[in-house]
Amino acid sequence: MLATALAGALCGPGNFTLVTADARWTGTEVIGGLRVQPGAGLSYGFSPGVVTRAVERHQASMEASGRPHALIIDEFNRAHQDEAFGRLLTLLDPAYRSVMPLVSEEDGAPKPTYLPEDFVLIATMNDADIARLHEIGAALSRRFTALTVSVPRGERDFLAASEPGSVLDALYEFVGTGDPSDQASGRLRAFVPVGTYFMREALDLARDLSLDEALLSLVTPLLPGLDKSALAALQARSDEGGFQRLGAALARAHAEALF
C-alpha cells in the first residue's frame, strides 16, 4: 500500500506497474530475450522483460505528461538475486545507463533500449521471510535506498475507530505495540515483525471466531521461525490472556523445537 501510494505521488494516480518477483525469474523475465512465439510452426521472437516493459511505459509517460512511470517489484527477495538481477546490477548505477543498453539487437530486440536516469524502481519485501528466502547481497542493496517500515504511531487509534473495546485491548496485550517493552513482556512483536494488516485481519476474524481462534490461525504459520525461548515467552503470554487453543499450539511447537 505504501509503495503504490509513493508511486502515485511521484508519477500520478495509477501510473505504475506492479509485479511480484518469482523464484523462477531469470534475466529473460526481468530484462527480456528470445522466446518461442505462438502460432504455426516453431519460431522465436524477442519478448521484453518486466523492466524493459516498464521502461517503455516510462518513456511514453514522460512524452505524454512529463512524469515518470514507476515499476514496483513486490516480494523482491523471492527472486534469485544473481539469476534475476545480475544483468541489471551495472545499469542500476545512473552513471552507466546512457552508456550500456538494457537490451540491444544482440538480445534479439528490434532496437536498443536504455534505462533512463530518472527511472523509478521500488522494491518491497517482508523482513519476516528474510531467513527463508533469497539473500539480497551488498552489491544490490547499495543500489537502493532502504526504508524500514515499523508499526505506525497512530495504529491503535486507527483500529479503535472501527473496533473499540476489550477485543482490541486483548489483541494488543498479546501482539504488542512494537516498542521495546514488548521484549520484556514476551509479546509477539518482540519476535516477529507483524504489521497493521495482521492486526486488522485478526480483528476481522474475531468477529466470526473467538480471538483465540483468530490468533491461532494467524500465528501458527509463524511458529517454525521461532526458537524455544520465544515460544516459551509467547506461551506464557497466551496463558495470561486466556488463549487456550493458541497456548496448546505454542506448547506443541515448543516441545518440537530443537533450539
Protein backbone atom coordinates (compact mmCIF):
# COMPACT_ATOMS: atom_id res chain seq x y z
CA MET A 1 0.00 0.00 0.00
CA LEU A 2 2.78 2.42 0.88
CA ALA A 3 4.69 1.54 -2.29
CA THR A 4 1.70 2.25 -4.53
CA ALA A 5 0.96 5.47 -2.61
CA LEU A 6 4.56 6.61 -3.13
CA ALA A 7 4.46 5.70 -6.81
CA GLY A 8 1.18 7.59 -7.20
CA ALA A 9 2.64 10.68 -5.52
CA LEU A 10 5.73 10.63 -7.75
CA CYS A 11 4.15 9.60 -11.02
CA GLY A 12 0.43 10.30 -10.83
CA PRO A 13 -2.51 8.09 -9.83
CA GLY A 14 -2.20 4.58 -11.23
CA ASN A 15 0.90 5.46 -13.25
CA PHE A 16 2.93 2.45 -12.16
CA THR A 17 3.49 -1.22 -12.98
CA LEU A 18 3.13 -3.69 -10.09
CA VAL A 19 4.66 -7.16 -10.41
CA THR A 20 5.51 -9.90 -7.90
CA ALA A 21 9.00 -11.42 -8.00
CA ASP A 22 9.21 -15.15 -8.60
CA ALA A 23 11.85 -17.75 -7.74
CA ARG A 24 11.79 -18.88 -11.39
CA TRP A 25 12.82 -15.46 -12.70
CA THR A 26 15.95 -15.21 -14.84
CA GLY A 27 17.35 -12.30 -16.82
CA THR A 28 14.87 -13.14 -19.56
CA GLU A 29 11.88 -12.44 -17.31
CA VAL A 30 13.48 -9.29 -15.87
CA ILE A 31 15.12 -7.73 -18.95
CA GLY A 32 13.99 -9.76 -21.95
CA GLY A 33 15.18 -12.28 -24.52
CA LEU A 34 14.21 -14.67 -27.26
CA ARG A 35 11.15 -16.82 -26.63
CA VAL A 36 9.10 -19.26 -28.63
CA GLN A 37 6.30 -17.32 -30.32
CA PRO A 38 2.72 -18.61 -30.60
CA GLY A 39 1.44 -19.69 -33.99
CA ALA A 40 2.00 -22.37 -36.57
CA GLY A 41 5.48 -23.84 -36.60
CA LEU A 42 8.43 -23.19 -34.30
CA SER A 43 9.63 -19.59 -34.34
CA TYR A 44 11.44 -17.32 -31.93
CA GLY A 45 10.98 -13.64 -31.25
CA PHE A 46 12.09 -11.07 -28.72
CA SER A 47 9.90 -10.67 -25.61
CA PRO A 48 10.65 -7.73 -23.30
CA GLY A 49 11.01 -8.43 -19.58
CA VAL A 50 9.25 -6.61 -16.76
CA VAL A 51 11.89 -3.87 -16.52
CA THR A 52 12.01 -3.28 -20.28
CA ARG A 53 8.22 -3.05 -20.49
CA ALA A 54 8.21 -0.58 -17.60
CA VAL A 55 10.90 1.50 -19.35
CA GLU A 56 8.72 1.68 -22.47
CA ARG A 57 5.79 2.87 -20.34
CA HIS A 58 8.08 5.36 -18.61
CA GLN A 59 9.15 6.86 -21.93
CA ALA A 60 5.54 7.11 -23.09
CA SER A 61 4.52 8.73 -19.79
CA MET A 62 7.34 11.30 -19.98
CA GLU A 63 6.27 12.25 -23.50
CA ALA A 64 2.59 12.48 -22.56
CA SER A 65 2.74 14.15 -19.14
CA GLY A 66 6.35 14.83 -18.22
CA ARG A 67 6.03 12.47 -15.25
CA PRO A 68 7.85 9.14 -14.81
CA HIS A 69 6.24 5.72 -14.73
CA ALA A 70 7.28 3.60 -11.73
CA LEU A 71 7.99 -0.11 -11.52
CA ILE A 72 7.12 -1.77 -8.20
CA ILE A 73 8.55 -5.25 -7.61
CA ASP A 74 6.72 -6.78 -4.68
CA GLU A 75 8.26 -9.65 -2.65
CA PHE A 76 11.62 -8.67 -4.17
CA ASN A 77 13.66 -11.34 -2.35
CA ARG A 78 11.55 -14.20 -3.71
CA ALA A 79 13.63 -13.96 -6.89
CA HIS A 80 17.18 -15.32 -7.00
CA GLN A 81 19.40 -12.27 -6.93
CA ASP A 82 22.14 -13.32 -9.39
CA GLU A 83 19.90 -15.11 -11.88
CA ALA A 84 17.19 -12.46 -11.98
CA PHE A 85 19.03 -9.17 -11.44
CA GLY A 86 22.66 -9.91 -12.33
CA ARG A 87 22.44 -8.22 -15.73
CA LEU A 88 20.71 -5.23 -14.15
CA LEU A 89 23.34 -4.52 -11.48
CA THR A 90 25.55 -2.21 -13.53
CA LEU A 91 22.61 -0.40 -15.11
CA LEU A 92 21.09 0.43 -11.72
CA ASP A 93 24.05 2.80 -11.33
CA PRO A 94 22.91 6.02 -13.11
CA ALA A 95 26.43 6.63 -14.47
CA TYR A 96 26.14 3.68 -16.87
CA ARG A 97 22.55 3.99 -18.02
CA SER A 98 23.28 6.08 -21.10
CA VAL A 99 26.35 4.02 -21.99
CA MET A 100 25.15 0.41 -21.80
CA PRO A 101 21.83 -0.64 -23.32
CA LEU A 102 19.30 -2.52 -21.26
CA VAL A 103 18.60 -4.68 -24.32
CA SER A 104 20.02 -4.49 -27.83
CA GLU A 105 19.98 -6.24 -31.19
CA GLU A 106 22.31 -8.85 -29.69
CA ASP A 107 19.44 -9.88 -27.40
CA GLY A 108 17.09 -10.10 -30.37
CA ALA A 109 15.45 -6.73 -29.68
CA PRO A 110 14.43 -4.66 -32.72
CA LYS A 111 16.33 -1.66 -31.34
CA PRO A 112 18.43 -0.77 -28.28
CA THR A 113 16.60 0.29 -25.13
CA TYR A 114 18.38 2.24 -22.40
CA LEU A 115 17.44 2.55 -18.74
CA PRO A 116 16.54 6.23 -18.19
CA GLU A 117 18.38 8.12 -15.47
CA ASP A 118 15.03 9.15 -13.92
CA PHE A 119 13.58 5.62 -13.96
CA VAL A 120 11.75 4.82 -10.69
CA LEU A 121 12.14 1.30 -9.26
CA ILE A 122 10.55 0.47 -5.90
CA ALA A 123 11.14 -2.94 -4.33
CA THR A 124 9.29 -4.29 -1.30
CA MET A 125 9.95 -7.33 0.86
CA ASN A 126 8.74 -8.77 4.13
CA ASP A 127 11.59 -8.97 6.63
CA ALA A 128 9.80 -11.80 8.44
CA ASP A 129 10.73 -14.01 5.45
CA ILE A 130 14.38 -12.95 5.10
CA ALA A 131 15.79 -16.13 6.63
CA ARG A 132 13.72 -18.39 4.34
CA LEU A 133 14.10 -16.54 1.01
CA HIS A 134 16.95 -15.40 -1.23
CA GLU A 135 19.56 -13.17 0.38
CA ILE A 136 19.98 -9.67 -1.02
CA GLY A 137 23.71 -9.12 -1.47
CA ALA A 138 25.65 -5.94 -0.74
CA ALA A 139 26.10 -5.08 -4.44
CA LEU A 140 22.35 -4.98 -4.99
CA SER A 141 21.48 -3.45 -1.62
CA ARG A 142 23.71 -0.40 -2.09
CA ARG A 143 21.87 0.50 -5.29
CA PHE A 144 18.68 1.11 -3.31
CA THR A 145 17.73 3.44 -0.50
CA ALA A 146 16.47 1.12 2.24
CA LEU A 147 13.46 2.18 4.30
CA THR A 148 12.32 0.07 7.25
CA VAL A 149 8.56 0.32 7.81
CA SER A 150 7.80 -0.03 11.50
CA VAL A 151 4.48 -0.03 13.37
CA PRO A 152 2.65 3.25 12.59
CA ARG A 153 2.41 5.64 15.54
CA GLY A 154 -1.32 6.05 15.07
CA GLU A 155 -2.12 2.39 14.57
CA ARG A 156 -4.15 1.88 17.74
CA ASP A 157 -6.27 4.98 17.16
CA PHE A 158 -6.85 3.87 13.57
CA LEU A 159 -8.02 0.41 14.66
CA ALA A 160 -10.04 1.74 17.58
CA ALA A 161 -12.18 3.81 15.20
CA SER A 162 -13.81 0.60 13.96
CA GLU A 163 -13.04 -1.84 16.80
CA PRO A 164 -13.23 -0.23 20.23
CA GLY A 165 -13.30 -2.21 23.45
CA SER A 166 -11.91 -5.31 25.08
CA VAL A 167 -11.11 -7.33 21.94
CA LEU A 168 -8.65 -4.70 20.74
CA ASP A 169 -7.13 -4.46 24.22
CA ALA A 170 -6.67 -8.24 24.39
CA LEU A 171 -5.11 -8.29 20.93
CA TYR A 172 -2.54 -5.66 21.87
CA GLU A 173 -1.79 -7.49 25.12
CA PHE A 174 -0.63 -10.48 23.10
CA VAL A 175 0.82 -8.79 19.98
CA GLY A 176 2.32 -5.63 21.49
CA THR A 177 2.86 -2.17 20.11
CA GLY A 178 6.29 -2.54 18.52
CA ASP A 179 8.16 -0.64 21.25
CA PRO A 180 10.98 -2.03 23.46
CA SER A 181 8.53 -3.05 26.21
CA ASP A 182 7.33 -5.93 24.01
CA GLN A 183 10.58 -7.79 24.65
CA ALA A 184 10.28 -7.71 28.42
CA SER A 185 6.61 -8.70 28.25
CA GLY A 186 7.12 -11.55 25.77
CA ARG A 187 4.71 -10.14 23.20
CA LEU A 188 4.61 -11.30 19.58
CA ARG A 189 6.12 -8.17 18.07
CA ALA A 190 9.29 -8.77 20.07
CA PHE A 191 9.95 -11.84 17.92
CA VAL A 192 8.05 -11.34 14.63
CA PRO A 193 7.62 -8.01 12.77
CA VAL A 194 3.87 -8.13 12.17
CA GLY A 195 2.16 -5.03 10.86
CA THR A 196 -1.20 -3.32 10.84
CA TYR A 197 -2.59 -5.74 8.27
CA PHE A 198 -2.07 -8.60 10.76
CA MET A 199 -3.98 -6.64 13.41
CA ARG A 200 -6.82 -5.80 11.04
CA GLU A 201 -7.10 -9.41 9.89
CA ALA A 202 -7.14 -10.70 13.47
CA LEU A 203 -9.96 -8.31 14.36
CA ASP A 204 -11.94 -9.27 11.25
CA LEU A 205 -11.60 -12.99 12.03
CA ALA A 206 -12.55 -12.42 15.67
CA ARG A 207 -15.96 -11.16 14.56
CA ASP A 208 -16.87 -14.70 13.42
CA LEU A 209 -14.49 -16.70 15.62
CA SER A 210 -13.06 -16.13 19.05
CA LEU A 211 -9.90 -14.02 19.30
CA ASP A 212 -8.17 -17.21 20.46
CA GLU A 213 -9.10 -18.97 17.21
CA ALA A 214 -8.24 -15.91 15.13
CA LEU A 215 -4.75 -15.70 16.64
CA LEU A 216 -4.29 -19.46 16.29
CA SER A 217 -4.97 -19.15 12.55
CA LEU A 218 -2.59 -16.22 12.04
CA VAL A 219 0.22 -17.13 14.44
CA THR A 220 0.59 -20.84 13.56
CA PRO A 221 2.38 -20.16 10.21
CA LEU A 222 4.93 -18.01 12.09
CA LEU A 223 5.93 -20.66 14.65
CA PRO A 224 8.56 -22.56 12.59
CA GLY A 225 10.75 -19.45 12.57
CA LEU A 226 10.78 -19.05 16.37
CA ASP A 227 13.22 -20.56 18.86
CA LYS A 228 12.38 -22.20 22.19
CA SER A 229 12.81 -19.04 24.27
CA ALA A 230 10.43 -17.07 22.03
CA LEU A 231 7.88 -19.90 22.02
CA ALA A 232 8.02 -20.16 25.82
CA ALA A 233 7.52 -16.41 26.21
CA LEU A 234 4.56 -16.41 23.83
CA GLN A 235 3.02 -19.42 25.56
CA ALA A 236 3.18 -17.60 28.89
CA ARG A 237 1.61 -14.53 27.28
CA SER A 238 -1.18 -16.61 25.70
CA ASP A 239 -1.90 -18.34 29.01
CA GLU A 240 -2.17 -14.98 30.72
CA GLY A 241 -4.61 -13.81 28.03
CA GLY A 242 -6.72 -16.95 28.30
CA PHE A 243 -5.98 -18.14 24.74
CA GLN A 244 -6.24 -21.87 25.34
CA ARG A 245 -6.06 -23.15 21.75
CA LEU A 246 -3.20 -20.83 20.87
CA GLY A 247 -1.41 -21.80 24.07
CA ALA A 248 -1.72 -25.51 23.21
CA ALA A 249 -0.26 -24.90 19.75
CA LEU A 250 2.62 -22.92 21.25
CA ALA A 251 3.26 -25.71 23.77
CA ARG A 252 3.46 -28.29 20.97
CA ALA A 253 5.79 -26.10 18.94
CA HIS A 254 7.99 -25.56 22.00
CA ALA A 255 8.22 -29.31 22.63
CA GLU A 256 9.16 -29.99 18.99
CA ALA A 257 11.67 -27.14 18.62
CA LEU A 258 15.33 -28.18 18.62
CA PHE A 259 16.79 -24.88 19.80
